[in-house]
Amino acid sequence: MSMRRETGMQGELMTTWAELPRSPGHPFYDELQKVLLGADFDVFVENACKPYYAAKMGAPSLPPGRYSRSVSSDRAGMASGIDMSARMISLAINIALMGFVLLAGVQKRLGAASGAFDAARLRRAAEQIAAGNVSALDQSALGAPRLIGLAALAGGFGDVTLYGAIGVWVLAALSFFTFGRRRDVNSAS
């Protein structure tokens, strides 16, 4: 049996928002705010958006330039993990797509080299070869030597490399078109 000790009154259980510690914010957002204010960013964005306002409703209640700075600089880091989550999701999707491209490439080359076989057995052998078990052909009774498995695996990795190269070129083109327009925006102001 334990003995209860009296140590005084328990402190407050609730804390108000005003009592929470404040983050000093990130220096980047402070400098960004200075640059945007100095360049009259709000006026530029409002003038750029005016042609698109609805005739009946007019200007929105919140000026467009304020949308980018609606979160105070001491709270701006709260959503900074979103970019990391997006990277991880896109990485997972690309790994799955590369696995699919590898499997399809191995299966295509095995089908061409082995002749007409049962599609299910061919797919099982292709899955094992794509996983690194090149000797799967000897065990699957497809009648194909190990060399065909190596060639199919190399061809599949060639397809994966091509997929990666096309992805890099597409992203480079998108970046060029996206950031290449910045010169046009700067010359317009």
Protein backbone atom coordinates (compact mmCIF):
# COMPACT_ATOMS: atom_id res chain seq x y z
CA MET A 1 0.00 0.00 0.00
CA SER A 2 1.37 3.37 -1.00
CA MET A 3 1.25 6.52 1.01
CA ARG A 4 0.01 9.72 -0.54
CA ARG A 5 2.15 12.78 -0.09
CA GLU A 6 0.72 16.23 -0.03
CA THR A 7 2.96 18.52 -2.09
CA GLY A 8 0.73 21.47 -2.60
CA MET A 9 -1.64 22.61 -5.32
CA GLN A 10 -1.48 21.33 -8.86
CA GLY A 11 -0.64 23.95 -11.47
CA GLU A 12 -2.97 25.18 -14.19
CA LEU A 13 -3.98 22.47 -16.61
CA MET A 14 -4.80 24.73 -19.55
CA THR A 15 -2.46 27.16 -21.29
CA THR A 16 -3.72 30.09 -23.29
CA TRP A 17 -2.45 30.93 -26.77
CA ALA A 18 -0.79 34.09 -25.45
CA GLU A 19 1.32 32.00 -23.04
CA LEU A 20 2.73 29.71 -25.74
CA PRO A 21 6.33 30.38 -26.77
CA ARG A 22 6.76 32.27 -30.03
CA SER A 23 9.07 31.15 -32.81
CA PRO A 24 11.33 33.90 -34.11
CA GLY A 25 10.39 32.87 -37.66
CA HIS A 26 12.70 32.03 -40.49
CA PRO A 27 15.05 34.75 -41.79
CA PHE A 28 14.16 33.81 -45.38
CA TYR A 29 10.52 34.81 -44.90
CA ASP A 30 11.51 38.07 -43.22
CA GLU A 31 13.78 38.96 -46.15
CA LEU A 32 11.13 37.85 -48.65
CA GLN A 33 8.62 40.17 -46.98
CA LYS A 34 11.05 43.10 -47.28
CA VAL A 35 11.74 42.38 -50.96
CA LEU A 36 8.07 42.00 -51.84
CA LEU A 37 7.08 45.18 -50.02
CA GLY A 38 9.96 47.11 -51.60
CA ALA A 39 9.01 45.95 -55.09
CA ASP A 40 5.29 46.80 -54.69
CA PHE A 41 4.38 43.18 -55.28
CA ASP A 42 0.80 43.68 -54.10
CA VAL A 43 0.17 46.45 -56.64
CA PHE A 44 1.74 44.39 -59.43
CA VAL A 45 -0.37 41.31 -58.68
CA GLU A 46 -3.57 43.32 -58.26
CA ASN A 47 -3.02 45.01 -61.62
CA ALA A 48 -2.25 41.67 -63.26
CA CYS A 49 -5.46 40.14 -61.82
CA LYS A 50 -7.85 43.03 -62.59
CA PRO A 51 -8.74 41.84 -66.12
CA TYR A 52 -9.94 38.55 -64.65
CA TYR A 53 -12.30 39.96 -62.01
CA ALA A 54 -15.95 39.14 -62.51
CA ALA A 55 -18.03 42.07 -63.74
CA LYS A 56 -20.65 41.64 -60.98
CA MET A 57 -18.49 40.72 -58.03
CA GLY A 58 -15.55 43.05 -58.61
CA ALA A 59 -12.32 42.69 -56.68
CA PRO A 60 -12.03 39.93 -54.07
CA SER A 61 -12.21 40.88 -50.40
CA LEU A 62 -8.60 39.83 -49.84
CA PRO A 63 -6.12 41.45 -52.24
CA PRO A 64 -4.35 38.83 -54.40
CA GLY A 65 -0.88 39.87 -53.27
CA ARG A 66 -1.75 38.98 -49.70
CA TYR A 67 -2.46 35.32 -50.49
CA SER A 68 1.24 34.52 -50.69
CA ARG A 69 1.90 36.18 -47.35
CA SER A 70 -1.26 35.36 -45.42
CA VAL A 71 0.64 33.24 -42.90
CA SER A 72 2.86 35.15 -40.50
CA SER A 73 6.57 34.46 -40.71
CA ASP A 74 6.65 32.79 -37.28
CA ARG A 75 4.03 30.27 -38.48
CA ALA A 76 5.35 29.76 -42.02
CA GLY A 77 7.42 26.70 -41.16
CA MET A 78 4.42 24.74 -39.91
CA ALA A 79 3.66 23.32 -43.36
CA SER A 80 7.27 22.93 -44.45
CA GLY A 81 7.02 19.14 -44.22
CA ILE A 82 4.59 19.08 -47.13
CA ASP A 83 7.36 19.32 -49.72
CA MET A 84 9.14 16.33 -48.15
CA SER A 85 5.93 14.31 -48.18
CA ALA A 86 5.40 15.15 -51.83
CA ARG A 87 8.95 14.02 -52.63
CA MET A 88 8.47 10.73 -50.81
CA ILE A 89 5.15 10.07 -52.54
CA SER A 90 6.62 10.80 -55.97
CA LEU A 91 9.62 8.61 -55.14
CA ALA A 92 7.34 5.72 -54.16
CA ILE A 93 5.31 6.12 -57.35
CA ASN A 94 8.46 6.21 -59.49
CA ILE A 95 9.91 3.13 -57.81
CA ALA A 96 6.68 1.27 -58.55
CA LEU A 97 6.68 2.48 -62.16
CA MET A 98 10.32 1.48 -62.62
CA GLY A 99 9.52 -1.98 -61.26
CA PHE A 100 6.66 -2.26 -63.73
CA VAL A 101 8.87 -1.10 -66.62
CA LEU A 102 11.58 -3.61 -65.60
CA LEU A 103 9.10 -6.48 -65.39
CA ALA A 104 7.47 -5.58 -68.71
CA GLY A 105 10.86 -5.33 -70.42
CA VAL A 106 12.07 -8.68 -69.06
CA GLN A 107 8.76 -10.36 -69.97
CA LYS A 108 8.81 -8.91 -73.49
CA ARG A 109 12.35 -10.14 -74.14
CA LEU A 110 11.68 -13.57 -72.62
CA GLY A 111 8.57 -13.98 -74.77
CA ALA A 112 10.49 -13.06 -77.90
CA ALA A 113 13.41 -15.37 -77.09
CA SER A 114 11.46 -18.33 -75.70
CA GLY A 115 8.68 -18.57 -78.26
CA ALA A 116 5.03 -19.20 -77.44
CA PHE A 117 4.65 -20.29 -73.82
CA ASP A 118 1.92 -20.10 -71.23
CA ALA A 119 1.57 -16.43 -70.24
CA ALA A 120 1.31 -17.22 -66.53
CA ARG A 121 4.55 -19.26 -66.50
CA LEU A 122 6.30 -16.62 -68.59
CA ARG A 123 5.20 -13.89 -66.16
CA ARG A 124 6.36 -15.91 -63.12
CA ALA A 125 9.76 -16.45 -64.72
CA ALA A 126 9.97 -12.74 -65.64
CA GLU A 127 9.13 -11.75 -62.04
CA GLN A 128 11.86 -13.99 -60.68
CA ILE A 129 14.43 -12.72 -63.18
CA ALA A 130 13.47 -9.08 -62.46
CA ALA A 131 13.99 -9.86 -58.76
CA GLY A 132 17.53 -11.00 -59.54
CA ASN A 133 17.09 -14.78 -59.76
CA VAL A 134 18.52 -15.25 -63.25
CA SER A 135 18.63 -19.01 -62.84
CA ALA A 136 14.80 -19.02 -62.71
CA LEU A 137 14.74 -19.97 -66.38
CA ASP A 138 16.47 -23.27 -65.66
CA GLN A 139 13.90 -24.07 -62.97
CA SER A 140 10.82 -22.93 -64.90
CA ALA A 141 11.23 -25.49 -67.69
CA LEU A 142 10.86 -22.86 -70.39
CA GLY A 143 13.75 -24.49 -72.17
CA ALA A 144 15.81 -21.29 -72.19
CA PRO A 145 19.42 -21.05 -71.01
CA ARG A 146 20.65 -18.70 -68.30
CA LEU A 147 22.17 -16.39 -70.91
CA ILE A 148 18.70 -15.46 -72.17
CA GLY A 149 17.73 -14.51 -68.61
CA LEU A 150 20.76 -12.25 -68.31
CA ALA A 151 20.01 -10.63 -71.66
CA ALA A 152 16.35 -10.13 -70.71
CA LEU A 153 17.38 -8.56 -67.39
CA ALA A 154 19.87 -6.25 -69.10
CA GLY A 155 17.23 -5.23 -71.63
CA GLY A 156 14.74 -4.56 -68.84
CA PHE A 157 17.24 -2.33 -67.05
CA GLY A 158 17.81 -0.56 -70.36
CA ASP A 159 14.09 0.21 -70.45
CA VAL A 160 14.25 1.51 -66.86
CA THR A 161 17.17 3.75 -67.80
CA LEU A 162 15.25 5.06 -70.80
CA TYR A 163 12.24 5.76 -68.54
CA GLY A 164 14.50 7.69 -66.16
CA ALA A 165 16.10 9.69 -68.98
CA ILE A 166 12.72 10.61 -70.46
CA GLY A 167 11.52 11.66 -66.98
CA VAL A 168 14.55 13.92 -66.51
CA TRP A 169 14.06 15.54 -69.91
CA VAL A 170 10.36 16.12 -69.27
CA LEU A 171 11.09 17.75 -65.90
CA ALA A 172 13.86 19.85 -67.46
CA ALA A 173 11.48 21.05 -70.18
CA LEU A 174 8.79 21.88 -67.62
CA SER A 175 11.32 23.79 -65.53
CA PHE A 176 12.54 25.67 -68.59
CA PHE A 177 9.02 26.69 -69.59
CA THR A 178 8.05 27.54 -66.02
CA PHE A 179 11.14 29.52 -65.04
CA GLY A 180 11.89 30.79 -68.52
CA ARG A 181 8.72 32.89 -68.31
CA ARG A 182 10.08 34.75 -65.31
CA ARG A 183 12.04 36.99 -67.68
CA ASP A 184 8.78 37.93 -69.36
CA VAL A 185 7.19 38.82 -65.99
CA ASN A 186 10.21 40.90 -64.98
CA SER A 187 10.22 42.78 -68.29
CA ALA A 188 6.47 43.41 -68.01
CA SER A 189 6.75 45.19 -64.67
